Amino acid sequence: MTTQQEVSRDVGSFLKETIDGSMRALLGEEARQATLFHLNVPDYENHPKEFHVHLGVMFKEGAPIIEKVIVKDVYNRLDLRLDESGKFDYEHSMKYAFDEAARRQSKHK
């Protein structure tokens, strides 16, 4: 029997892997590592609000570009459609992706 904690850990790993890949593609590996170090948000895959706030402080107007790439990559991997017609909200989008991935993970185990 799969526990909620196992599902959360699996989904967190999926999100972290995707976030890291998105940032690596945008910034390069060294800049990705430096950015994550300076963001100082442990378990950033599980804390989208804190990630968003710290990324905004670091990258200012560039942060939404990074966030959109991350969300698009996560949604693509989950085969979800990102509605780009409205206001973009990183925290809401990532929480939705987490919930959807957790729901799917629970069904498969």
PDB file of N, CA and C in Angstrom:
ATOM      1  N   MET A   1       0.845  -1.194   0.000  1.00  0.00           N
ATOM      2  CA  MET A   1       0.000   0.000   0.000  1.00  0.00           C
ATOM      3  C   MET A   1       0.886   1.252   0.000  1.00  0.00           C
ATOM      4  N   THR A   2       0.569   2.184  -0.863  1.00  0.00           N
ATOM      5  CA  THR A   2       1.328   3.413  -0.992  1.00  0.00           C
ATOM      6  C   THR A   2       0.824   4.439   0.013  1.00  0.00           C
ATOM      7  N   THR A   3       1.757   5.054   0.711  1.00  0.00           N
ATOM      8  CA  THR A   3       1.364   6.086   1.664  1.00  0.00           C
ATOM      9  C   THR A   3       1.405   7.446   0.995  1.00  0.00           C
ATOM     10  N   GLN A   4       0.708   8.390   1.600  1.00  0.00           N
ATOM     11  CA  GLN A   4       0.705   9.766   1.100  1.00  0.00           C
ATOM     12  C   GLN A   4       2.124  10.335   1.108  1.00  0.00           C
ATOM     13  N   GLN A   5       2.900   9.958   2.107  1.00  0.00           N
ATOM     14  CA  GLN A   5       4.276  10.444   2.203  1.00  0.00           C
ATOM     15  C   GLN A   5       5.121   9.939   1.023  1.00  0.00           C
ATOM     16  N   GLU A   6       4.918   8.673   0.635  1.00  0.00           N
ATOM     17  CA  GLU A   6       5.640   8.120  -0.516  1.00  0.00           C
ATOM     18  C   GLU A   6       5.252   8.843  -1.802  1.00  0.00           C
ATOM     19  N   VAL A   7       3.960   9.105  -1.966  1.00  0.00           N
ATOM     20  CA  VAL A   7       3.485   9.816  -3.146  1.00  0.00           C
ATOM     21  C   VAL A   7       4.084  11.214  -3.171  1.00  0.00           C
ATOM     22  N   SER A   8       4.042  11.914  -2.046  1.00  0.00           N
ATOM     23  CA  SER A   8       4.596  13.262  -1.978  1.00  0.00           C
ATOM     24  C   SER A   8       6.080  13.268  -2.297  1.00  0.00           C
ATOM     25  N   ARG A   9       6.807  12.291  -1.807  1.00  0.00           N
ATOM     26  CA  ARG A   9       8.249  12.192  -2.080  1.00  0.00           C
ATOM     27  C   ARG A   9       8.491  11.941  -3.567  1.00  0.00           C
ATOM     28  N   ASP A  10       7.726  11.044  -4.167  1.00  0.00           N
ATOM     29  CA  ASP A  10       7.867  10.761  -5.600  1.00  0.00           C
ATOM     30  C   ASP A  10       7.533  11.982  -6.452  1.00  0.00           C
ATOM     31  N   VAL A  11       6.461  12.660  -6.104  1.00  0.00           N
ATOM     32  CA  VAL A  11       6.061  13.854  -6.850  1.00  0.00           C
ATOM     33  C   VAL A  11       7.092  14.957  -6.655  1.00  0.00           C
ATOM     34  N   GLY A  12       7.587  15.108  -5.442  1.00  0.00           N
ATOM     35  CA  GLY A  12       8.628  16.097  -5.178  1.00  0.00           C
ATOM     36  C   GLY A  12       9.867  15.840  -6.010  1.00  0.00           C
ATOM     37  N   SER A  13      10.259  14.581  -6.119  1.00  0.00           N
ATOM     38  CA  SER A  13      11.421  14.218  -6.943  1.00  0.00           C
ATOM     39  C   SER A  13      11.176  14.554  -8.407  1.00  0.00           C
ATOM     40  N   PHE A  14       9.979  14.252  -8.894  1.00  0.00           N
ATOM     41  CA  PHE A  14       9.603  14.582 -10.269  1.00  0.00           C
ATOM     42  C   PHE A  14       9.691  16.086 -10.505  1.00  0.00           C
ATOM     43  N   LEU A  15       9.121  16.877  -9.583  1.00  0.00           N
ATOM     44  CA  LEU A  15       9.137  18.324  -9.740  1.00  0.00           C
ATOM     45  C   LEU A  15      10.556  18.876  -9.670  1.00  0.00           C
ATOM     46  N   LYS A  16      11.336  18.384  -8.727  1.00  0.00           N
ATOM     47  CA  LYS A  16      12.718  18.863  -8.587  1.00  0.00           C
ATOM     48  C   LYS A  16      13.517  18.562  -9.854  1.00  0.00           C
ATOM     49  N   GLU A  17      13.372  17.373 -10.370  1.00  0.00           N
ATOM     50  CA  GLU A  17      14.076  16.982 -11.596  1.00  0.00           C
ATOM     51  C   GLU A  17      13.681  17.896 -12.759  1.00  0.00           C
ATOM     52  N   THR A  18      12.410  18.204 -12.868  1.00  0.00           N
ATOM     53  CA  THR A  18      11.935  19.054 -13.954  1.00  0.00           C
ATOM     54  C   THR A  18      12.390  20.502 -13.769  1.00  0.00           C
ATOM     55  N   ILE A  19      12.278  21.022 -12.548  1.00  0.00           N
ATOM     56  CA  ILE A  19      12.744  22.387 -12.270  1.00  0.00           C
ATOM     57  C   ILE A  19      14.226  22.504 -12.573  1.00  0.00           C
ATOM     58  N   ASP A  20      15.004  21.541 -12.106  1.00  0.00           N
ATOM     59  CA  ASP A  20      16.446  21.565 -12.351  1.00  0.00           C
ATOM     60  C   ASP A  20      16.748  21.533 -13.847  1.00  0.00           C
ATOM     61  N   GLY A  21      16.036  20.688 -14.581  1.00  0.00           N
ATOM     62  CA  GLY A  21      16.252  20.602 -16.024  1.00  0.00           C
ATOM     63  C   GLY A  21      15.892  21.900 -16.735  1.00  0.00           C
ATOM     64  N   SER A  22      14.809  22.522 -16.322  1.00  0.00           N
ATOM     65  CA  SER A  22      14.396  23.800 -16.923  1.00  0.00           C
ATOM     66  C   SER A  22      15.435  24.877 -16.665  1.00  0.00           C
ATOM     67  N   MET A  23      15.876  24.957 -15.423  1.00  0.00           N
ATOM     68  CA  MET A  23      16.862  25.978 -15.073  1.00  0.00           C
ATOM     69  C   MET A  23      18.206  25.702 -15.750  1.00  0.00           C
ATOM     70  N   ARG A  24      18.564  24.438 -15.862  1.00  0.00           N
ATOM     71  CA  ARG A  24      19.813  24.066 -16.543  1.00  0.00           C
ATOM     72  C   ARG A  24      19.765  24.482 -18.008  1.00  0.00           C
ATOM     73  N   ALA A  25      18.624  24.255 -18.649  1.00  0.00           N
ATOM     74  CA  ALA A  25      18.469  24.619 -20.057  1.00  0.00           C
ATOM     75  C   ALA A  25      18.524  26.140 -20.245  1.00  0.00           C
ATOM     76  N   LEU A  26      17.956  26.890 -19.314  1.00  0.00           N
ATOM     77  CA  LEU A  26      17.932  28.348 -19.420  1.00  0.00           C
ATOM     78  C   LEU A  26      19.244  29.004 -19.020  1.00  0.00           C
ATOM     79  N   LEU A  27      19.832  28.532 -17.928  1.00  0.00           N
ATOM     80  CA  LEU A  27      20.954  29.235 -17.309  1.00  0.00           C
ATOM     81  C   LEU A  27      22.304  28.550 -17.479  1.00  0.00           C
ATOM     82  N   GLY A  28      22.287  27.253 -17.767  1.00  0.00           N
ATOM     83  CA  GLY A  28      23.517  26.471 -17.730  1.00  0.00           C
ATOM     84  C   GLY A  28      23.687  25.880 -16.343  1.00  0.00           C
ATOM     85  N   GLU A  29      24.484  24.846 -16.242  1.00  0.00           N
ATOM     86  CA  GLU A  29      24.609  24.118 -14.970  1.00  0.00           C
ATOM     87  C   GLU A  29      25.226  24.958 -13.861  1.00  0.00           C
ATOM     88  N   GLU A  30      26.303  25.667 -14.143  1.00  0.00           N
ATOM     89  CA  GLU A  30      26.964  26.443 -13.087  1.00  0.00           C
ATOM     90  C   GLU A  30      26.059  27.555 -12.560  1.00  0.00           C
ATOM     91  N   ALA A  31      25.380  28.248 -13.460  1.00  0.00           N
ATOM     92  CA  ALA A  31      24.473  29.315 -13.030  1.00  0.00           C
ATOM     93  C   ALA A  31      23.267  28.738 -12.286  1.00  0.00           C
ATOM     94  N   ARG A  32      22.794  27.571 -12.699  1.00  0.00           N
ATOM     95  CA  ARG A  32      21.684  26.918 -11.989  1.00  0.00           C
ATOM     96  C   ARG A  32      22.093  26.623 -10.553  1.00  0.00           C
ATOM     97  N   GLN A  33      23.270  26.047 -10.397  1.00  0.00           N
ATOM     98  CA  GLN A  33      23.754  25.714  -9.053  1.00  0.00           C
ATOM     99  C   GLN A  33      23.929  26.973  -8.204  1.00  0.00           C
ATOM    100  N   ALA A  34      24.511  28.012  -8.785  1.00  0.00           N
ATOM    101  CA  ALA A  34      24.717  29.256  -8.049  1.00  0.00           C
ATOM    102  C   ALA A  34      23.382  29.885  -7.659  1.00  0.00           C
ATOM    103  N   THR A  35      22.436  29.865  -8.578  1.00  0.00           N
ATOM    104  CA  THR A  35      21.113  30.433  -8.304  1.00  0.00           C
ATOM    105  C   THR A  35      20.440  29.700  -7.154  1.00  0.00           C
ATOM    106  N   LEU A  36      20.430  28.383  -7.207  1.00  0.00           N
ATOM    107  CA  LEU A  36      19.784  27.614  -6.142  1.00  0.00           C
ATOM    108  C   LEU A  36      20.480  27.820  -4.803  1.00  0.00           C
ATOM    109  N   PHE A  37      21.794  27.937  -4.826  1.00  0.00           N
ATOM    110  CA  PHE A  37      22.542  28.196  -3.590  1.00  0.00           C
ATOM    111  C   PHE A  37      22.118  29.534  -2.990  1.00  0.00           C
ATOM    112  N   HIS A  38      22.058  30.566  -3.828  1.00  0.00           N
ATOM    113  CA  HIS A  38      21.739  31.902  -3.335  1.00  0.00           C
ATOM    114  C   HIS A  38      20.252  32.090  -3.041  1.00  0.00           C
ATOM    115  N   LEU A  39      19.401  31.296  -3.672  1.00  0.00           N
ATOM    116  CA  LEU A  39      17.977  31.366  -3.339  1.00  0.00           C
ATOM    117  C   LEU A  39      17.739  30.925  -1.905  1.00  0.00           C
ATOM    118  N   ASN A  40      18.528  29.944  -1.477  1.00  0.00           N
ATOM    119  CA  ASN A  40      18.441  29.451  -0.098  1.00  0.00           C
ATOM    120  C   ASN A  40      17.010  29.026   0.260  1.00  0.00           C
ATOM    121  N   VAL A  41      16.419  28.209  -0.624  1.00  0.00           N
ATOM    122  CA  VAL A  41      15.079  27.656  -0.381  1.00  0.00           C
ATOM    123  C   VAL A  41      15.217  26.133  -0.418  1.00  0.00           C
ATOM    124  N   PRO A  42      15.478  25.524   0.764  1.00  0.00           N
ATOM    125  CA  PRO A  42      15.569  24.059   0.782  1.00  0.00           C
ATOM    126  C   PRO A  42      14.248  23.449   0.315  1.00  0.00           C
ATOM    127  N   ASP A  43      14.348  22.357  -0.382  1.00  0.00           N
ATOM    128  CA  ASP A  43      13.152  21.669  -0.890  1.00  0.00           C
ATOM    129  C   ASP A  43      12.274  22.608  -1.706  1.00  0.00           C
ATOM    130  N   TYR A  44      12.904  23.382  -2.584  1.00  0.00           N
ATOM    131  CA  TYR A  44      12.196  24.383  -3.389  1.00  0.00           C
ATOM    132  C   TYR A  44      11.071  23.783  -4.225  1.00  0.00           C
ATOM    133  N   GLU A  45      11.189  22.497  -4.538  1.00  0.00           N
ATOM    134  CA  GLU A  45      10.129  21.847  -5.311  1.00  0.00           C
ATOM    135  C   GLU A  45       8.832  21.742  -4.515  1.00  0.00           C
ATOM    136  N   ASN A  46       8.935  21.788  -3.201  1.00  0.00           N
ATOM    137  CA  ASN A  46       7.757  21.690  -2.332  1.00  0.00           C
ATOM    138  C   ASN A  46       7.311  23.042  -1.780  1.00  0.00           C
ATOM    139  N   HIS A  47       8.022  24.105  -2.138  1.00  0.00           N
ATOM    140  CA  HIS A  47       7.719  25.433  -1.599  1.00  0.00           C
ATOM    141  C   HIS A  47       7.666  26.469  -2.726  1.00  0.00           C
ATOM    142  N   PRO A  48       6.644  26.374  -3.587  1.00  0.00           N
ATOM    143  CA  PRO A  48       6.595  27.274  -4.745  1.00  0.00           C
ATOM    144  C   PRO A  48       6.494  28.753  -4.368  1.00  0.00           C
ATOM    145  N   LYS A  49       5.833  29.075  -3.271  1.00  0.00           N
ATOM    146  CA  LYS A  49       5.705  30.484  -2.883  1.00  0.00           C
ATOM    147  C   LYS A  49       7.066  31.066  -2.533  1.00  0.00           C
ATOM    148  N   GLU A  50       7.819  30.367  -1.705  1.00  0.00           N
ATOM    149  CA  GLU A  50       9.135  30.847  -1.308  1.00  0.00           C
ATOM    150  C   GLU A  50      10.079  30.908  -2.507  1.00  0.00           C
ATOM    151  N   PHE A  51      10.009  29.891  -3.369  1.00  0.00           N
ATOM    152  CA  PHE A  51      10.826  29.872  -4.578  1.00  0.00           C
ATOM    153  C   PHE A  51      10.507  31.105  -5.426  1.00  0.00           C
ATOM    154  N   HIS A  52       9.227  31.381  -5.614  1.00  0.00           N
ATOM    155  CA  HIS A  52       8.778  32.530  -6.400  1.00  0.00           C
ATOM    156  C   HIS A  52       9.300  33.845  -5.812  1.00  0.00           C
ATOM    157  N   VAL A  53       9.145  34.014  -4.515  1.00  0.00           N
ATOM    158  CA  VAL A  53       9.564  35.259  -3.856  1.00  0.00           C
ATOM    159  C   VAL A  53      11.072  35.456  -3.993  1.00  0.00           C
ATOM    160  N   HIS A  54      11.841  34.430  -3.680  1.00  0.00           N
ATOM    161  CA  HIS A  54      13.302  34.550  -3.722  1.00  0.00           C
ATOM    162  C   HIS A  54      13.806  34.717  -5.161  1.00  0.00           C
ATOM    163  N   LEU A  55      13.182  34.020  -6.101  1.00  0.00           N
ATOM    164  CA  LEU A  55      13.573  34.156  -7.501  1.00  0.00           C
ATOM    165  C   LEU A  55      13.300  35.587  -7.982  1.00  0.00           C
ATOM    166  N   GLY A  56      12.182  36.163  -7.537  1.00  0.00           N
ATOM    167  CA  GLY A  56      11.847  37.544  -7.886  1.00  0.00           C
ATOM    168  C   GLY A  56      12.849  38.543  -7.351  1.00  0.00           C
ATOM    169  N   VAL A  57      13.307  38.312  -6.129  1.00  0.00           N
ATOM    170  CA  VAL A  57      14.318  39.198  -5.542  1.00  0.00           C
ATOM    171  C   VAL A  57      15.618  39.110  -6.353  1.00  0.00           C
ATOM    172  N   MET A  58      15.974  37.911  -6.759  1.00  0.00           N
ATOM    173  CA  MET A  58      17.240  37.712  -7.460  1.00  0.00           C
ATOM    174  C   MET A  58      17.183  38.180  -8.912  1.00  0.00           C
ATOM    175  N   PHE A  59      16.118  37.833  -9.627  1.00  0.00           N
ATOM    176  CA  PHE A  59      16.065  38.084 -11.071  1.00  0.00           C
ATOM    177  C   PHE A  59      15.141  39.231 -11.474  1.00  0.00           C
ATOM    178  N   LYS A  60      14.452  39.824 -10.512  1.00  0.00           N
ATOM    179  CA  LYS A  60      13.548  40.942 -10.772  1.00  0.00           C
ATOM    180  C   LYS A  60      12.562  40.613 -11.902  1.00  0.00           C
ATOM    181  N   GLU A  61      12.552  41.420 -12.978  1.00  0.00           N
ATOM    182  CA  GLU A  61      11.603  41.229 -14.075  1.00  0.00           C
ATOM    183  C   GLU A  61      11.871  39.953 -14.868  1.00  0.00           C
ATOM    184  N   GLY A  62      13.045  39.373 -14.705  1.00  0.00           N
ATOM    185  CA  GLY A  62      13.374  38.134 -15.413  1.00  0.00           C
ATOM    186  C   GLY A  62      12.782  36.890 -14.769  1.00  0.00           C
ATOM    187  N   ALA A  63      12.386  36.995 -13.510  1.00  0.00           N
ATOM    188  CA  ALA A  63      11.875  35.833 -12.783  1.00  0.00           C
ATOM    189  C   ALA A  63      10.657  35.198 -13.448  1.00  0.00           C
ATOM    190  N   PRO A  64       9.665  35.981 -13.904  1.00  0.00           N
ATOM    191  CA  PRO A  64       8.505  35.339 -14.539  1.00  0.00           C
ATOM    192  C   PRO A  64       8.865  34.526 -15.779  1.00  0.00           C
ATOM    193  N   ILE A  65       9.891  34.921 -16.482  1.00  0.00           N
ATOM    194  CA  ILE A  65      10.316  34.158 -17.663  1.00  0.00           C
ATOM    195  C   ILE A  65      10.807  32.779 -17.229  1.00  0.00           C
ATOM    196  N   ILE A  66      11.637  32.750 -16.203  1.00  0.00           N
ATOM    197  CA  ILE A  66      12.143  31.477 -15.677  1.00  0.00           C
ATOM    198  C   ILE A  66      10.986  30.636 -15.155  1.00  0.00           C
ATOM    199  N   GLU A  67      10.083  31.254 -14.415  1.00  0.00           N
ATOM    200  CA  GLU A  67       8.949  30.532 -13.850  1.00  0.00           C
ATOM    201  C   GLU A  67       8.056  29.944 -14.937  1.00  0.00           C
ATOM    202  N   LYS A  68       7.807  30.692 -15.988  1.00  0.00           N
ATOM    203  CA  LYS A  68       6.950  30.185 -17.073  1.00  0.00           C
ATOM    204  C   LYS A  68       7.593  28.999 -17.768  1.00  0.00           C
ATOM    205  N   VAL A  69       8.892  29.057 -17.975  1.00  0.00           N
ATOM    206  CA  VAL A  69       9.580  27.925 -18.599  1.00  0.00           C
ATOM    207  C   VAL A  69       9.461  26.695 -17.709  1.00  0.00           C
ATOM    208  N   ILE A  70       9.655  26.871 -16.412  1.00  0.00           N
ATOM    209  CA  ILE A  70       9.541  25.751 -15.472  1.00  0.00           C
ATOM    210  C   ILE A  70       8.131  25.158 -15.534  1.00  0.00           C
ATOM    211  N   VAL A  71       7.123  26.007 -15.422  1.00  0.00           N
ATOM    212  CA  VAL A  71       5.737  25.519 -15.415  1.00  0.00           C
ATOM    213  C   VAL A  71       5.404  24.841 -16.743  1.00  0.00           C
ATOM    214  N   LYS A  72       5.816  25.419 -17.853  1.00  0.00           N
ATOM    215  CA  LYS A  72       5.562  24.784 -19.158  1.00  0.00           C
ATOM    216  C   LYS A  72       6.194  23.398 -19.219  1.00  0.00           C
ATOM    217  N   ASP A  73       7.422  23.277 -18.725  1.00  0.00           N
ATOM    218  CA  ASP A  73       8.093  21.974 -18.745  1.00  0.00           C
ATOM    219  C   ASP A  73       7.370  20.967 -17.858  1.00  0.00           C
ATOM    220  N   VAL A  74       6.987  21.398 -16.662  1.00  0.00           N
ATOM    221  CA  VAL A  74       6.255  20.506 -15.750  1.00  0.00           C
ATOM    222  C   VAL A  74       4.931  20.084 -16.381  1.00  0.00           C
ATOM    223  N   TYR A  75       4.187  21.044 -16.909  1.00  0.00           N
ATOM    224  CA  TYR A  75       2.900  20.740 -17.527  1.00  0.00           C
ATOM    225  C   TYR A  75       3.068  19.829 -18.742  1.00  0.00           C
ATOM    226  N   ASN A  76       4.099  20.063 -19.548  1.00  0.00           N
ATOM    227  CA  ASN A  76       4.350  19.191 -20.698  1.00  0.00           C
ATOM    228  C   ASN A  76       4.606  17.762 -20.257  1.00  0.00           C
ATOM    229  N   ARG A  77       5.370  17.588 -19.212  1.00  0.00           N
ATOM    230  CA  ARG A  77       5.664  16.237 -18.716  1.00  0.00           C
ATOM    231  C   ARG A  77       4.423  15.558 -18.155  1.00  0.00           C
ATOM    232  N   LEU A  78       3.478  16.359 -17.676  1.00  0.00           N
ATOM    233  CA  LEU A  78       2.226  15.808 -17.148  1.00  0.00           C
ATOM    234  C   LEU A  78       1.125  15.794 -18.205  1.00  0.00           C
ATOM    235  N   ASP A  79       1.451  16.255 -19.402  1.00  0.00           N
ATOM    236  CA  ASP A  79       0.486  16.364 -20.491  1.00  0.00           C
ATOM    237  C   ASP A  79      -0.706  17.230 -20.083  1.00  0.00           C
ATOM    238  N   LEU A  80      -0.400  18.347 -19.429  1.00  0.00           N
ATOM    239  CA  LEU A  80      -1.408  19.332 -19.048  1.00  0.00           C
ATOM    240  C   LEU A  80      -1.281  20.537 -19.963  1.00  0.00           C
ATOM    241  N   ARG A  81      -2.364  21.249 -20.132  1.00  0.00           N
ATOM    242  CA  ARG A  81      -2.355  22.446 -20.967  1.00  0.00           C
ATOM    243  C   ARG A  81      -2.256  23.669 -20.074  1.00  0.00           C
ATOM    244  N   LEU A  82      -1.290  24.530 -20.370  1.00  0.00           N
ATOM    245  CA  LEU A  82      -1.123  25.772 -19.621  1.00  0.00           C
ATOM    246  C   LEU A  82      -1.930  26.863 -20.304  1.00  0.00           C
ATOM    247  N   ASP A  83      -2.864  27.451 -19.574  1.00  0.00           N
ATOM    248  CA  ASP A  83      -3.672  28.544 -20.108  1.00  0.00           C
ATOM    249  C   ASP A  83      -2.857  29.833 -20.009  1.00  0.00           C
ATOM    250  N   GLU A  84      -2.404  30.315 -21.146  1.00  0.00           N
ATOM    251  CA  GLU A  84      -1.570  31.513 -21.163  1.00  0.00           C
ATOM    252  C   GLU A  84      -2.363  32.781 -21.445  1.00  0.00           C
ATOM    253  N   SER A  85      -3.679  32.673 -21.467  1.00  0.00           N
ATOM    254  CA  SER A  85      -4.502  33.842 -21.774  1.00  0.00           C
ATOM    255  C   SER A  85      -4.727  34.733 -20.549  1.00  0.00           C
ATOM    256  N   GLY A  86      -4.607  34.155 -19.376  1.00  0.00           N
ATOM    257  CA  GLY A  86      -4.863  34.911 -18.155  1.00  0.00           C
ATOM    258  C   GLY A  86      -3.585  35.297 -17.443  1.00  0.00           C
ATOM    259  N   LYS A  87      -3.733  35.771 -16.225  1.00  0.00           N
ATOM    260  CA  LYS A  87      -2.602  36.163 -15.400  1.00  0.00           C
ATOM    261  C   LYS A  87      -1.854  34.914 -14.946  1.00  0.00           C
ATOM    262  N   PHE A  88      -0.547  34.934 -15.081  1.00  0.00           N
ATOM    263  CA  PHE A  88       0.281  33.798 -14.705  1.00  0.00           C
ATOM    264  C   PHE A  88       0.567  33.842 -13.209  1.00  0.00           C
ATOM    265  N   ASP A  89       0.417  32.697 -12.543  1.00  0.00           N
ATOM    266  CA  ASP A  89       0.676  32.591 -11.109  1.00  0.00           C
ATOM    267  C   ASP A  89       1.501  31.324 -10.877  1.00  0.00           C
ATOM    268  N   TYR A  90       2.781  31.503 -10.627  1.00  0.00           N
ATOM    269  CA  TYR A  90       3.690  30.369 -10.464  1.00  0.00           C
ATOM    270  C   TYR A  90       3.246  29.459  -9.319  1.00  0.00           C
ATOM    271  N   GLU A  91       2.978  30.057  -8.174  1.00  0.00           N
ATOM    272  CA  GLU A  91       2.615  29.258  -6.996  1.00  0.00           C
ATOM    273  C   GLU A  91       1.373  28.406  -7.269  1.00  0.00           C
ATOM    274  N   HIS A  92       0.335  29.012  -7.797  1.00  0.00           N
ATOM    275  CA  HIS A  92      -0.905  28.287  -8.094  1.00  0.00           C
ATOM    276  C   HIS A  92      -0.654  27.188  -9.140  1.00  0.00           C
ATOM    277  N   SER A  93       0.088  27.529 -10.180  1.00  0.00           N
ATOM    278  CA  SER A  93       0.367  26.567 -11.250  1.00  0.00           C
ATOM    279  C   SER A  93       1.127  25.357 -10.736  1.00  0.00           C
ATOM    280  N   MET A  94       2.110  25.589  -9.886  1.00  0.00           N
ATOM    281  CA  MET A  94       2.914  24.479  -9.370  1.00  0.00           C
ATOM    282  C   MET A  94       2.131  23.646  -8.355  1.00  0.00           C
ATOM    283  N   LYS A  95       1.283  24.283  -7.568  1.00  0.00           N
ATOM    284  CA  LYS A  95       0.454  23.519  -6.638  1.00  0.00           C
ATOM    285  C   LYS A  95      -0.522  22.630  -7.405  1.00  0.00           C
ATOM    286  N   TYR A  96      -1.067  23.168  -8.490  1.00  0.00           N
ATOM    287  CA  TYR A  96      -1.964  22.371  -9.336  1.00  0.00           C
ATOM    288  C   TYR A  96      -1.204  21.174  -9.924  1.00  0.00           C
ATOM    289  N   ALA A  97       0.001  21.423 -10.423  1.00  0.00           N
ATOM    290  CA  ALA A  97       0.815  20.345 -11.003  1.00  0.00           C
ATOM    291  C   ALA A  97       1.137  19.298  -9.938  1.00  0.00           C
ATOM    292  N   PHE A  98       1.472  19.734  -8.732  1.00  0.00           N
ATOM    293  CA  PHE A  98       1.772  18.801  -7.648  1.00  0.00           C
ATOM    294  C   PHE A  98       0.554  17.928  -7.352  1.00  0.00           C
ATOM    295  N   ASP A  99      -0.598  18.566  -7.213  1.00  0.00           N
ATOM    296  CA  ASP A  99      -1.828  17.818  -6.910  1.00  0.00           C
ATOM    297  C   ASP A  99      -2.167  16.827  -8.017  1.00  0.00           C
ATOM    298  N   GLU A 100      -2.021  17.261  -9.252  1.00  0.00           N
ATOM    299  CA  GLU A 100      -2.332  16.391 -10.391  1.00  0.00           C
ATOM    300  C   GLU A 100      -1.348  15.216 -10.454  1.00  0.00           C
ATOM    301  N   ALA A 101      -0.080  15.496 -10.254  1.00  0.00           N
ATOM    302  CA  ALA A 101       0.925  14.423 -10.272  1.00  0.00           C
ATOM    303  C   ALA A 101       0.691  13.453  -9.112  1.00  0.00           C
ATOM    304  N   ALA A 102       0.332  13.972  -7.952  1.00  0.00           N
ATOM    305  CA  ALA A 102       0.056  13.112  -6.793  1.00  0.00           C
ATOM    306  C   ALA A 102      -1.172  12.235  -7.048  1.00  0.00           C
ATOM    307  N   ARG A 103      -2.199  12.819  -7.664  1.00  0.00           N
ATOM    308  CA  ARG A 103      -3.404  12.057  -7.979  1.00  0.00           C
ATOM    309  C   ARG A 103      -3.065  10.902  -8.923  1.00  0.00           C
ATOM    310  N   ARG A 104      -2.281  11.202  -9.943  1.00  0.00           N
ATOM    311  CA  ARG A 104      -1.899  10.165 -10.909  1.00  0.00           C
ATOM    312  C   ARG A 104      -1.013   9.106 -10.274  1.00  0.00           C
ATOM    313  N   GLN A 105      -0.106   9.536  -9.434  1.00  0.00           N
ATOM    314  CA  GLN A 105       0.803   8.614  -8.755  1.00  0.00           C
ATOM    315  C   GLN A 105       0.015   7.665  -7.853  1.00  0.00           C
ATOM    316  N   SER A 106      -0.960   8.191  -7.155  1.00  0.00           N
ATOM    317  CA  SER A 106      -1.784   7.360  -6.262  1.00  0.00           C
ATOM    318  C   SER A 106      -2.571   6.315  -7.044  1.00  0.00           C
ATOM    319  N   LYS A 107      -3.040   6.683  -8.231  1.00  0.00           N
ATOM    320  CA  LYS A 107      -3.803   5.747  -9.055  1.00  0.00           C
ATOM    321  C   LYS A 107      -2.931   4.616  -9.589  1.00  0.00           C
ATOM    322  N   HIS A 108      -1.664   4.902  -9.835  1.00  0.00           N
ATOM    323  CA  HIS A 108      -0.778   3.903 -10.446  1.00  0.00           C
ATOM    324  C   HIS A 108      -0.146   2.956  -9.439  1.00  0.00           C
ATOM    325  N   LYS A 109      -0.237   3.275  -8.170  1.00  0.00           N
ATOM    326  CA  LYS A 109       0.401   2.408  -7.170  1.00  0.00           C
ATOM    327  C   LYS A 109      -0.600   1.558  -6.467  1.00  0.00           C
TER     328      LYS A 109
END
